[in-house]
């Protein structure tokens, strides 16, 4: 496995840890400013700040448990794509029953001049 593939696979694990911990600074460093998220049954979400605003707005409404398994990584120069099997459980803070969702994501990443890989586009196929 190449150093770039290792870095991308680590990015996935770091993303999951930051998401579970509501570490918005860490999440912000892992995505491009112009990131785009395509989500099943939801409007497109464009931009790092829009993503972080939505995440901050929801942080007290629910907690998230989950796991991501990277199934494939393909690197071509400074761009890479990957797909993951994702399973998350959303636990509402109001005592409502938890909701578990599982499915796949496909992501496009870009290698920055400083050598970091960042998320540029993400297609999340988990049910709404």
Foldseek 3Di string as FASTA:
>chain_A
DDPVVVLVQVLVVQCQVCLQVVVLVSQLVQADQFAWEAEPPDDIQTGSVSVNVVSVVCVQFWGKDWDKDWDDWDDDPFKIKTKIWIWMWIGTPVRPDIDIWIDMKMFMWGQDPVGHIHTRYMYHYIHD
